[in-house]
Amino acid sequence: MSSPIKLFKARGRAFKKIAGPPGTLEVARLAGAEVSSDLGAGVAVFEDISIPWKLLYNEVFYVLEGEFRLRMGDMVHIGLPGDMFFIEAGTEFRYESIGRSKVFFALADTSKHEEEREVFEESLKHVRPPKP
């Protein structure tokens, strides 16, 4: 019988390079569709990168290290360690980091993986260095 409690140890956590250059995005997905159909989570490291995105589900980001930015046009929301963002499904923005930032994220729906992959492939065509 498996336990209803899952522990994801920091030691040995594998990060996968997702985007860049310019800059880099590395992600360690912790809880995905194999664990839950309605909640996903992970840790991401952004470094000197700006990535466009259209969110398909509600998501939160908790800033662990550095300065993490969400840009909507000329409006920039800046999060520092201990700050948390809540982003509504359907929002279009850019993930940005000048230097290195590390965030924990949790998303509301892991069933949209294939749809998300299409959005991601298009986003990769528009990666750029962040604006100061």
C-alpha atoms as a PDB file:
ATOM      1  CA  MET A   1       0.000   0.000   0.000  1.00  0.00           C
ATOM      2  CA  SER A   2       1.412   3.408  -0.926  1.00  0.00           C
ATOM      3  CA  SER A   3       1.280   6.347   1.435  1.00  0.00           C
ATOM      4  CA  PRO A   4      -0.970   9.349   0.721  1.00  0.00           C
ATOM      5  CA  ILE A   5       2.004  11.517   1.742  1.00  0.00           C
ATOM      6  CA  LYS A   6       4.777  12.048  -0.818  1.00  0.00           C
ATOM      7  CA  LEU A   7       8.156  13.539   0.090  1.00  0.00           C
ATOM      8  CA  PHE A   8      10.293  15.084  -2.644  1.00  0.00           C
ATOM      9  CA  LYS A   9      13.847  15.342  -1.303  1.00  0.00           C
ATOM     10  CA  ALA A  10      16.065  18.273  -2.259  1.00  0.00           C
ATOM     11  CA  ARG A  11      19.155  16.067  -2.360  1.00  0.00           C
ATOM     12  CA  GLY A  12      19.652  14.683  -5.833  1.00  0.00           C
ATOM     13  CA  ARG A  13      16.886  16.819  -7.349  1.00  0.00           C
ATOM     14  CA  ALA A  14      17.406  16.873 -11.108  1.00  0.00           C
ATOM     15  CA  PHE A  15      16.969  20.116 -13.013  1.00  0.00           C
ATOM     16  CA  LYS A  16      16.361  19.973 -16.767  1.00  0.00           C
ATOM     17  CA  LYS A  17      17.375  22.819 -19.082  1.00  0.00           C
ATOM     18  CA  ILE A  18      14.155  24.023 -20.693  1.00  0.00           C
ATOM     19  CA  ALA A  19      15.099  27.257 -22.502  1.00  0.00           C
ATOM     20  CA  GLY A  20      18.023  29.419 -23.562  1.00  0.00           C
ATOM     21  CA  PRO A  21      20.237  30.854 -24.842  1.00  0.00           C
ATOM     22  CA  PRO A  22      19.965  33.698 -24.408  1.00  0.00           C
ATOM     23  CA  GLY A  23      19.978  33.046 -20.688  1.00  0.00           C
ATOM     24  CA  THR A  24      18.700  29.808 -19.179  1.00  0.00           C
ATOM     25  CA  LEU A  25      15.631  28.265 -17.613  1.00  0.00           C
ATOM     26  CA  GLU A  26      16.042  25.026 -15.673  1.00  0.00           C
ATOM     27  CA  VAL A  27      13.103  23.206 -14.091  1.00  0.00           C
ATOM     28  CA  ALA A  28      12.763  20.378 -11.590  1.00  0.00           C
ATOM     29  CA  ARG A  29       9.187  19.126 -11.835  1.00  0.00           C
ATOM     30  CA  LEU A  30       8.228  17.636  -8.503  1.00  0.00           C
ATOM     31  CA  ALA A  31       4.552  16.744  -8.624  1.00  0.00           C
ATOM     32  CA  GLY A  32       2.946  16.240 -12.014  1.00  0.00           C
ATOM     33  CA  ALA A  33       0.245  14.146 -13.628  1.00  0.00           C
ATOM     34  CA  GLU A  34       1.822  10.968 -12.217  1.00  0.00           C
ATOM     35  CA  VAL A  35       0.983  12.243  -8.724  1.00  0.00           C
ATOM     36  CA  SER A  36      -2.171  14.333  -9.229  1.00  0.00           C
ATOM     37  CA  SER A  37      -4.511  15.391 -12.038  1.00  0.00           C
ATOM     38  CA  ASP A  38      -5.402  18.712 -10.438  1.00  0.00           C
ATOM     39  CA  LEU A  39      -2.164  19.999  -8.877  1.00  0.00           C
ATOM     40  CA  GLY A  40       1.401  20.253 -10.129  1.00  0.00           C
ATOM     41  CA  ALA A  41       4.510  21.734  -8.538  1.00  0.00           C
ATOM     42  CA  GLY A  42       8.199  22.249  -9.048  1.00  0.00           C
ATOM     43  CA  VAL A  43      11.226  24.485  -8.705  1.00  0.00           C
ATOM     44  CA  ALA A  44      12.555  26.677 -11.516  1.00  0.00           C
ATOM     45  CA  VAL A  45      15.803  28.605 -11.938  1.00  0.00           C
ATOM     46  CA  PHE A  46      15.762  31.550 -14.346  1.00  0.00           C
ATOM     47  CA  GLU A  47      18.960  33.331 -15.330  1.00  0.00           C
ATOM     48  CA  ASP A  48      19.218  36.417 -17.562  1.00  0.00           C
ATOM     49  CA  ILE A  49      16.162  35.437 -19.588  1.00  0.00           C
ATOM     50  CA  SER A  50      12.767  36.716 -20.716  1.00  0.00           C
ATOM     51  CA  ILE A  51      10.187  34.150 -21.868  1.00  0.00           C
ATOM     52  CA  PRO A  52       6.708  34.966 -23.193  1.00  0.00           C
ATOM     53  CA  TRP A  53       3.879  32.873 -21.798  1.00  0.00           C
ATOM     54  CA  LYS A  54       0.119  32.461 -21.850  1.00  0.00           C
ATOM     55  CA  LEU A  55      -1.043  30.670 -18.738  1.00  0.00           C
ATOM     56  CA  LEU A  56      -3.527  27.835 -19.250  1.00  0.00           C
ATOM     57  CA  TYR A  57      -4.314  27.385 -15.536  1.00  0.00           C
ATOM     58  CA  ASN A  58      -4.088  29.291 -12.271  1.00  0.00           C
ATOM     59  CA  GLU A  59      -0.537  29.259 -10.928  1.00  0.00           C
ATOM     60  CA  VAL A  60       1.455  30.571  -7.980  1.00  0.00           C
ATOM     61  CA  PHE A  61       5.152  31.404  -7.791  1.00  0.00           C
ATOM     62  CA  TYR A  62       6.977  31.752  -4.475  1.00  0.00           C
ATOM     63  CA  VAL A  63      10.343  33.501  -4.823  1.00  0.00           C
ATOM     64  CA  LEU A  64      13.141  31.581  -3.096  1.00  0.00           C
ATOM     65  CA  GLU A  65      16.218  33.475  -4.353  1.00  0.00           C
ATOM     66  CA  GLY A  66      17.014  36.573  -6.386  1.00  0.00           C
ATOM     67  CA  GLU A  67      14.661  38.974  -8.123  1.00  0.00           C
ATOM     68  CA  PHE A  68      11.908  37.322 -10.186  1.00  0.00           C
ATOM     69  CA  ARG A  69       9.840  39.426 -12.570  1.00  0.00           C
ATOM     70  CA  LEU A  70       6.570  39.083 -14.420  1.00  0.00           C
ATOM     71  CA  ARG A  71       6.201  41.606 -17.260  1.00  0.00           C
ATOM     72  CA  MET A  72       2.919  42.591 -18.912  1.00  0.00           C
ATOM     73  CA  GLY A  73       3.789  45.151 -21.586  1.00  0.00           C
ATOM     74  CA  ASP A  74       5.455  48.047 -19.774  1.00  0.00           C
ATOM     75  CA  MET A  75       4.197  46.912 -16.354  1.00  0.00           C
ATOM     76  CA  VAL A  76       6.722  44.889 -14.350  1.00  0.00           C
ATOM     77  CA  HIS A  77       5.845  43.031 -11.147  1.00  0.00           C
ATOM     78  CA  ILE A  78       8.994  42.363  -9.112  1.00  0.00           C
ATOM     79  CA  GLY A  79       9.139  39.605  -6.513  1.00  0.00           C
ATOM     80  CA  LEU A  80      11.907  39.171  -3.953  1.00  0.00           C
ATOM     81  CA  PRO A  81      12.616  36.209  -1.628  1.00  0.00           C
ATOM     82  CA  GLY A  82       9.520  35.472   0.420  1.00  0.00           C
ATOM     83  CA  ASP A  83       7.137  37.129  -2.053  1.00  0.00           C
ATOM     84  CA  MET A  84       4.430  35.141  -3.857  1.00  0.00           C
ATOM     85  CA  PHE A  85       2.659  35.774  -7.150  1.00  0.00           C
ATOM     86  CA  PHE A  86      -0.826  34.466  -8.011  1.00  0.00           C
ATOM     87  CA  ILE A  87      -1.503  34.454 -11.764  1.00  0.00           C
ATOM     88  CA  GLU A  88      -4.954  33.793 -13.239  1.00  0.00           C
ATOM     89  CA  ALA A  89      -5.512  31.362 -16.105  1.00  0.00           C
ATOM     90  CA  GLY A  90      -5.489  33.098 -19.496  1.00  0.00           C
ATOM     91  CA  THR A  91      -2.972  35.779 -18.464  1.00  0.00           C
ATOM     92  CA  GLU A  92      -0.313  36.660 -21.055  1.00  0.00           C
ATOM     93  CA  PHE A  93       3.024  37.902 -19.712  1.00  0.00           C
ATOM     94  CA  ARG A  94       6.792  37.299 -19.743  1.00  0.00           C
ATOM     95  CA  TYR A  95       8.780  35.464 -17.077  1.00  0.00           C
ATOM     96  CA  GLU A  96      11.954  37.495 -16.512  1.00  0.00           C
ATOM     97  CA  SER A  97      15.088  37.384 -14.456  1.00  0.00           C
ATOM     98  CA  ILE A  98      18.045  39.731 -14.490  1.00  0.00           C
ATOM     99  CA  GLY A  99      20.763  37.617 -12.971  1.00  0.00           C
ATOM    100  CA  ARG A 100      19.658  34.398 -11.253  1.00  0.00           C
ATOM    101  CA  SER A 101      16.343  33.778  -9.540  1.00  0.00           C
ATOM    102  CA  LYS A 102      14.892  30.600  -8.067  1.00  0.00           C
ATOM    103  CA  VAL A 103      11.168  30.025  -7.533  1.00  0.00           C
ATOM    104  CA  PHE A 104       8.797  27.348  -6.312  1.00  0.00           C
ATOM    105  CA  PHE A 105       5.681  27.026  -8.465  1.00  0.00           C
ATOM    106  CA  ALA A 106       2.354  25.254  -8.119  1.00  0.00           C
ATOM    107  CA  LEU A 107      -0.238  24.976 -10.862  1.00  0.00           C
ATOM    108  CA  ALA A 108      -3.895  24.067 -10.736  1.00  0.00           C
ATOM    109  CA  ASP A 109      -4.285  21.572 -13.590  1.00  0.00           C
ATOM    110  CA  THR A 110      -1.838  18.943 -14.802  1.00  0.00           C
ATOM    111  CA  SER A 111      -4.231  17.627 -17.474  1.00  0.00           C
ATOM    112  CA  LYS A 112      -3.282  20.384 -19.956  1.00  0.00           C
ATOM    113  CA  HIS A 113       0.237  19.053 -20.562  1.00  0.00           C
ATOM    114  CA  GLU A 114      -0.140  18.544 -24.336  1.00  0.00           C
ATOM    115  CA  GLU A 115      -1.819  21.910 -24.826  1.00  0.00           C
ATOM    116  CA  GLU A 116       0.923  23.521 -22.730  1.00  0.00           C
ATOM    117  CA  ARG A 117       3.622  21.916 -24.879  1.00  0.00           C
ATOM    118  CA  GLU A 118       2.264  23.760 -27.956  1.00  0.00           C
ATOM    119  CA  VAL A 119       2.316  27.102 -26.100  1.00  0.00           C
ATOM    120  CA  PHE A 120       5.837  26.333 -24.872  1.00  0.00           C
ATOM    121  CA  GLU A 121       7.185  25.499 -28.348  1.00  0.00           C
ATOM    122  CA  GLU A 122       5.889  28.835 -29.659  1.00  0.00           C
ATOM    123  CA  SER A 123       7.322  30.680 -26.621  1.00  0.00           C
ATOM    124  CA  LEU A 124      10.796  29.276 -27.245  1.00  0.00           C
ATOM    125  CA  LYS A 125      10.869  31.134 -30.574  1.00  0.00           C
ATOM    126  CA  HIS A 126      10.644  34.426 -28.648  1.00  0.00           C
ATOM    127  CA  VAL A 127      13.172  34.019 -25.790  1.00  0.00           C
ATOM    128  CA  ARG A 128      15.285  37.138 -25.329  1.00  0.00           C
ATOM    129  CA  PRO A 129      17.489  38.827 -22.745  1.00  0.00           C
ATOM    130  CA  PRO A 130      15.432  40.675 -20.096  1.00  0.00           C
ATOM    131  CA  LYS A 131      14.863  44.414 -20.284  1.00  0.00           C
ATOM    132  CA  PRO A 132      16.522  46.346 -17.448  1.00  0.00           C
END
